[in-house]
Amino acid sequence: MSDAVPSDPVLAKRARIESLVKVGKRIGYGLYLVAVVLFFYALFTELKDWMVTVIIWSIVVGSIVLAPAIVFGYGVKSAIRDDREHGRL
């Protein structure tokens, strides 16, 4: 969507949700990246307790953040597609 603020309240709310989805995906996938990088670092070096803790927490928190972001992202895309198919946009 464009950076301009839509005058329709539904489109404005959809744009706000879409921006939150982008942030959620960045955080979630970023935490997954931290977990993967740290896992392989630990695999080829000495595995320490704090590494296991960070890996587990990165996966858990990343999943908690990423799951709703993916679901809401599909919802926004579906709403945009439906509006285009019915000539509302």
N, C-alpha and C. Protein backbone atom coordinates (compact mmCIF):
# COMPACT_ATOMS: atom_id res chain seq x y z
N MET A 1 0.84 -1.16 0.00
CA MET A 1 0.00 0.00 0.00
C MET A 1 0.89 1.23 0.00
N SER A 2 0.33 2.37 -0.34
CA SER A 2 1.11 3.60 -0.40
C SER A 2 1.32 4.17 1.00
N ASP A 3 2.21 5.16 1.09
CA ASP A 3 2.51 5.78 2.37
C ASP A 3 1.47 6.83 2.75
N ALA A 4 0.62 7.24 1.82
CA ALA A 4 -0.41 8.23 2.11
C ALA A 4 -1.46 7.62 3.04
N VAL A 5 -1.98 8.45 3.94
CA VAL A 5 -2.99 7.98 4.88
C VAL A 5 -4.33 7.93 4.16
N PRO A 6 -4.97 6.76 4.09
CA PRO A 6 -6.26 6.65 3.41
C PRO A 6 -7.35 7.38 4.20
N SER A 7 -8.33 7.94 3.47
CA SER A 7 -9.43 8.64 4.14
C SER A 7 -10.48 7.66 4.66
N ASP A 8 -10.57 6.50 4.06
CA ASP A 8 -11.51 5.47 4.51
C ASP A 8 -10.97 4.83 5.79
N PRO A 9 -11.77 4.77 6.86
CA PRO A 9 -11.27 4.20 8.12
C PRO A 9 -10.88 2.72 8.01
N VAL A 10 -11.57 1.98 7.15
CA VAL A 10 -11.23 0.57 6.97
C VAL A 10 -9.86 0.44 6.31
N LEU A 11 -9.61 1.25 5.30
CA LEU A 11 -8.31 1.22 4.63
C LEU A 11 -7.20 1.71 5.56
N ALA A 12 -7.52 2.69 6.40
CA ALA A 12 -6.52 3.18 7.36
C ALA A 12 -6.16 2.09 8.37
N LYS A 13 -7.17 1.38 8.86
CA LYS A 13 -6.91 0.30 9.81
C LYS A 13 -6.14 -0.83 9.14
N ARG A 14 -6.47 -1.13 7.90
CA ARG A 14 -5.77 -2.17 7.15
C ARG A 14 -4.30 -1.79 6.95
N ALA A 15 -4.05 -0.52 6.66
CA ALA A 15 -2.67 -0.05 6.49
C ALA A 15 -1.90 -0.16 7.79
N ARG A 16 -2.56 0.16 8.90
CA ARG A 16 -1.91 0.05 10.21
C ARG A 16 -1.58 -1.42 10.52
N ILE A 17 -2.51 -2.31 10.25
CA ILE A 17 -2.27 -3.74 10.49
C ILE A 17 -1.14 -4.23 9.59
N GLU A 18 -1.12 -3.77 8.35
CA GLU A 18 -0.06 -4.19 7.42
C GLU A 18 1.32 -3.74 7.91
N SER A 19 1.40 -2.54 8.47
CA SER A 19 2.69 -2.08 8.99
C SER A 19 3.10 -2.89 10.21
N LEU A 20 2.14 -3.25 11.06
CA LEU A 20 2.46 -4.10 12.22
C LEU A 20 2.88 -5.50 11.78
N VAL A 21 2.27 -5.99 10.72
CA VAL A 21 2.64 -7.30 10.18
C VAL A 21 4.10 -7.29 9.71
N LYS A 22 4.49 -6.23 9.02
CA LYS A 22 5.87 -6.12 8.55
C LYS A 22 6.85 -6.12 9.71
N VAL A 23 6.53 -5.37 10.76
CA VAL A 23 7.40 -5.32 11.94
C VAL A 23 7.46 -6.69 12.60
N GLY A 24 6.31 -7.34 12.75
CA GLY A 24 6.26 -8.66 13.36
C GLY A 24 7.07 -9.69 12.59
N LYS A 25 6.99 -9.64 11.28
CA LYS A 25 7.76 -10.58 10.46
C LYS A 25 9.25 -10.32 10.58
N ARG A 26 9.63 -9.06 10.60
CA ARG A 26 11.06 -8.74 10.76
C ARG A 26 11.59 -9.24 12.09
N ILE A 27 10.83 -9.02 13.15
CA ILE A 27 11.26 -9.46 14.47
C ILE A 27 11.29 -10.98 14.54
N GLY A 28 10.22 -11.63 14.09
CA GLY A 28 10.13 -13.09 14.15
C GLY A 28 11.22 -13.78 13.35
N TYR A 29 11.38 -13.38 12.09
CA TYR A 29 12.41 -14.00 11.26
C TYR A 29 13.81 -13.62 11.76
N GLY A 30 13.95 -12.42 12.31
CA GLY A 30 15.24 -12.03 12.89
C GLY A 30 15.63 -12.91 14.06
N LEU A 31 14.65 -13.22 14.91
CA LEU A 31 14.93 -14.11 16.03
C LEU A 31 15.25 -15.53 15.56
N TYR A 32 14.58 -15.98 14.51
CA TYR A 32 14.93 -17.29 13.93
C TYR A 32 16.37 -17.27 13.41
N LEU A 33 16.75 -16.17 12.78
CA LEU A 33 18.11 -16.04 12.27
C LEU A 33 19.13 -16.10 13.41
N VAL A 34 18.83 -15.42 14.50
CA VAL A 34 19.71 -15.46 15.67
C VAL A 34 19.86 -16.90 16.15
N ALA A 35 18.75 -17.62 16.22
CA ALA A 35 18.79 -19.01 16.69
C ALA A 35 19.62 -19.89 15.76
N VAL A 36 19.45 -19.74 14.46
CA VAL A 36 20.17 -20.58 13.50
C VAL A 36 21.67 -20.26 13.52
N VAL A 37 22.00 -18.98 13.50
CA VAL A 37 23.42 -18.59 13.51
C VAL A 37 24.09 -19.07 14.79
N LEU A 38 23.44 -18.85 15.92
CA LEU A 38 24.03 -19.27 17.19
C LEU A 38 24.12 -20.80 17.28
N PHE A 39 23.13 -21.50 16.72
CA PHE A 39 23.18 -22.96 16.71
C PHE A 39 24.41 -23.47 15.96
N PHE A 40 24.63 -22.94 14.76
CA PHE A 40 25.77 -23.40 13.98
C PHE A 40 27.09 -22.95 14.59
N TYR A 41 27.10 -21.78 15.21
CA TYR A 41 28.30 -21.35 15.93
C TYR A 41 28.60 -22.32 17.07
N ALA A 42 27.57 -22.68 17.81
CA ALA A 42 27.74 -23.62 18.93
C ALA A 42 28.10 -25.01 18.43
N LEU A 43 27.60 -25.37 17.26
CA LEU A 43 27.90 -26.69 16.70
C LEU A 43 29.38 -26.85 16.38
N PHE A 44 29.99 -25.79 15.88
CA PHE A 44 31.39 -25.86 15.47
C PHE A 44 32.36 -25.36 16.53
N THR A 45 31.85 -24.85 17.62
CA THR A 45 32.70 -24.44 18.75
C THR A 45 32.22 -25.17 19.99
N GLU A 46 32.52 -24.62 21.12
CA GLU A 46 32.09 -25.23 22.38
C GLU A 46 30.67 -24.79 22.73
N LEU A 47 29.79 -25.73 22.95
CA LEU A 47 28.40 -25.45 23.32
C LEU A 47 28.34 -25.04 24.78
N LYS A 48 27.75 -23.89 25.03
CA LYS A 48 27.62 -23.39 26.40
C LYS A 48 26.15 -23.30 26.76
N ASP A 49 25.88 -23.30 28.06
CA ASP A 49 24.50 -23.26 28.53
C ASP A 49 23.76 -22.01 28.07
N TRP A 50 24.42 -20.87 28.09
CA TRP A 50 23.75 -19.64 27.69
C TRP A 50 23.35 -19.67 26.22
N MET A 51 24.13 -20.38 25.39
CA MET A 51 23.80 -20.49 23.97
C MET A 51 22.50 -21.27 23.78
N VAL A 52 22.37 -22.35 24.53
CA VAL A 52 21.14 -23.15 24.45
C VAL A 52 19.95 -22.32 24.89
N THR A 53 20.12 -21.55 25.95
CA THR A 53 19.04 -20.69 26.44
C THR A 53 18.63 -19.66 25.39
N VAL A 54 19.62 -19.00 24.79
CA VAL A 54 19.32 -17.99 23.77
C VAL A 54 18.66 -18.63 22.55
N ILE A 55 19.13 -19.78 22.13
CA ILE A 55 18.54 -20.47 20.98
C ILE A 55 17.08 -20.82 21.25
N ILE A 56 16.81 -21.40 22.40
CA ILE A 56 15.44 -21.79 22.74
C ILE A 56 14.53 -20.57 22.83
N TRP A 57 14.98 -19.54 23.54
CA TRP A 57 14.15 -18.35 23.68
C TRP A 57 13.93 -17.64 22.35
N SER A 58 14.94 -17.64 21.49
CA SER A 58 14.78 -17.03 20.17
C SER A 58 13.72 -17.76 19.35
N ILE A 59 13.73 -19.07 19.42
CA ILE A 59 12.73 -19.85 18.67
C ILE A 59 11.33 -19.64 19.26
N VAL A 60 11.22 -19.67 20.58
CA VAL A 60 9.91 -19.53 21.23
C VAL A 60 9.33 -18.14 20.98
N VAL A 61 10.11 -17.10 21.27
CA VAL A 61 9.61 -15.74 21.09
C VAL A 61 9.39 -15.44 19.61
N GLY A 62 10.29 -15.93 18.76
CA GLY A 62 10.10 -15.74 17.32
C GLY A 62 8.81 -16.37 16.82
N SER A 63 8.48 -17.54 17.34
CA SER A 63 7.23 -18.21 16.95
C SER A 63 6.02 -17.45 17.45
N ILE A 64 6.09 -16.95 18.68
CA ILE A 64 4.97 -16.21 19.25
C ILE A 64 4.71 -14.93 18.47
N VAL A 65 5.77 -14.27 18.02
CA VAL A 65 5.62 -13.03 17.27
C VAL A 65 5.25 -13.30 15.81
N LEU A 66 5.86 -14.32 15.23
CA LEU A 66 5.69 -14.57 13.80
C LEU A 66 4.34 -15.17 13.43
N ALA A 67 3.80 -16.04 14.26
CA ALA A 67 2.53 -16.71 13.92
C ALA A 67 1.39 -15.73 13.66
N PRO A 68 1.10 -14.80 14.57
CA PRO A 68 0.02 -13.85 14.26
C PRO A 68 0.37 -12.92 13.10
N ALA A 69 1.65 -12.59 12.94
CA ALA A 69 2.03 -11.72 11.83
C ALA A 69 1.73 -12.39 10.49
N ILE A 70 2.00 -13.67 10.39
CA ILE A 70 1.72 -14.40 9.15
C ILE A 70 0.21 -14.48 8.91
N VAL A 71 -0.55 -14.79 9.94
CA VAL A 71 -2.01 -14.92 9.80
C VAL A 71 -2.63 -13.58 9.40
N PHE A 72 -2.26 -12.51 10.11
CA PHE A 72 -2.81 -11.20 9.78
C PHE A 72 -2.33 -10.72 8.41
N GLY A 73 -1.12 -11.10 8.03
CA GLY A 73 -0.62 -10.75 6.70
C GLY A 73 -1.46 -11.37 5.60
N TYR A 74 -1.80 -12.65 5.77
CA TYR A 74 -2.69 -13.30 4.80
C TYR A 74 -4.07 -12.64 4.79
N GLY A 75 -4.54 -12.23 5.95
CA GLY A 75 -5.84 -11.56 6.03
C GLY A 75 -5.85 -10.25 5.27
N VAL A 76 -4.80 -9.45 5.42
CA VAL A 76 -4.71 -8.17 4.72
C VAL A 76 -4.62 -8.40 3.22
N LYS A 77 -3.78 -9.35 2.80
CA LYS A 77 -3.66 -9.64 1.36
C LYS A 77 -4.98 -10.12 0.78
N SER A 78 -5.69 -10.94 1.54
CA SER A 78 -6.98 -11.44 1.07
C SER A 78 -8.00 -10.32 0.96
N ALA A 79 -8.00 -9.41 1.92
CA ALA A 79 -8.94 -8.28 1.88
C ALA A 79 -8.64 -7.37 0.69
N ILE A 80 -7.38 -7.13 0.43
CA ILE A 80 -7.01 -6.29 -0.72
C ILE A 80 -7.42 -6.97 -2.02
N ARG A 81 -7.17 -8.26 -2.13
CA ARG A 81 -7.55 -9.01 -3.33
C ARG A 81 -9.07 -8.99 -3.52
N ASP A 82 -9.82 -9.17 -2.43
CA ASP A 82 -11.28 -9.17 -2.51
C ASP A 82 -11.79 -7.79 -2.94
N ASP A 83 -11.19 -6.73 -2.41
CA ASP A 83 -11.61 -5.39 -2.81
C ASP A 83 -11.34 -5.15 -4.29
N ARG A 84 -10.22 -5.61 -4.79
CA ARG A 84 -9.90 -5.42 -6.21
C ARG A 84 -10.84 -6.23 -7.10
N GLU A 85 -11.16 -7.46 -6.68
CA GLU A 85 -12.05 -8.30 -7.49
C GLU A 85 -13.45 -7.72 -7.57
N HIS A 86 -13.89 -7.04 -6.52
CA HIS A 86 -15.24 -6.48 -6.50
C HIS A 86 -15.27 -5.00 -6.83
N GLY A 87 -14.15 -4.46 -7.32
CA GLY A 87 -14.11 -3.08 -7.79
C GLY A 87 -14.20 -2.04 -6.70
N ARG A 88 -13.82 -2.38 -5.49
CA ARG A 88 -13.88 -1.40 -4.40
C ARG A 88 -12.60 -0.59 -4.28
N LEU A 89 -11.56 -1.01 -4.96
CA LEU A 89 -10.29 -0.25 -4.94
C LEU A 89 -9.93 0.22 -6.31
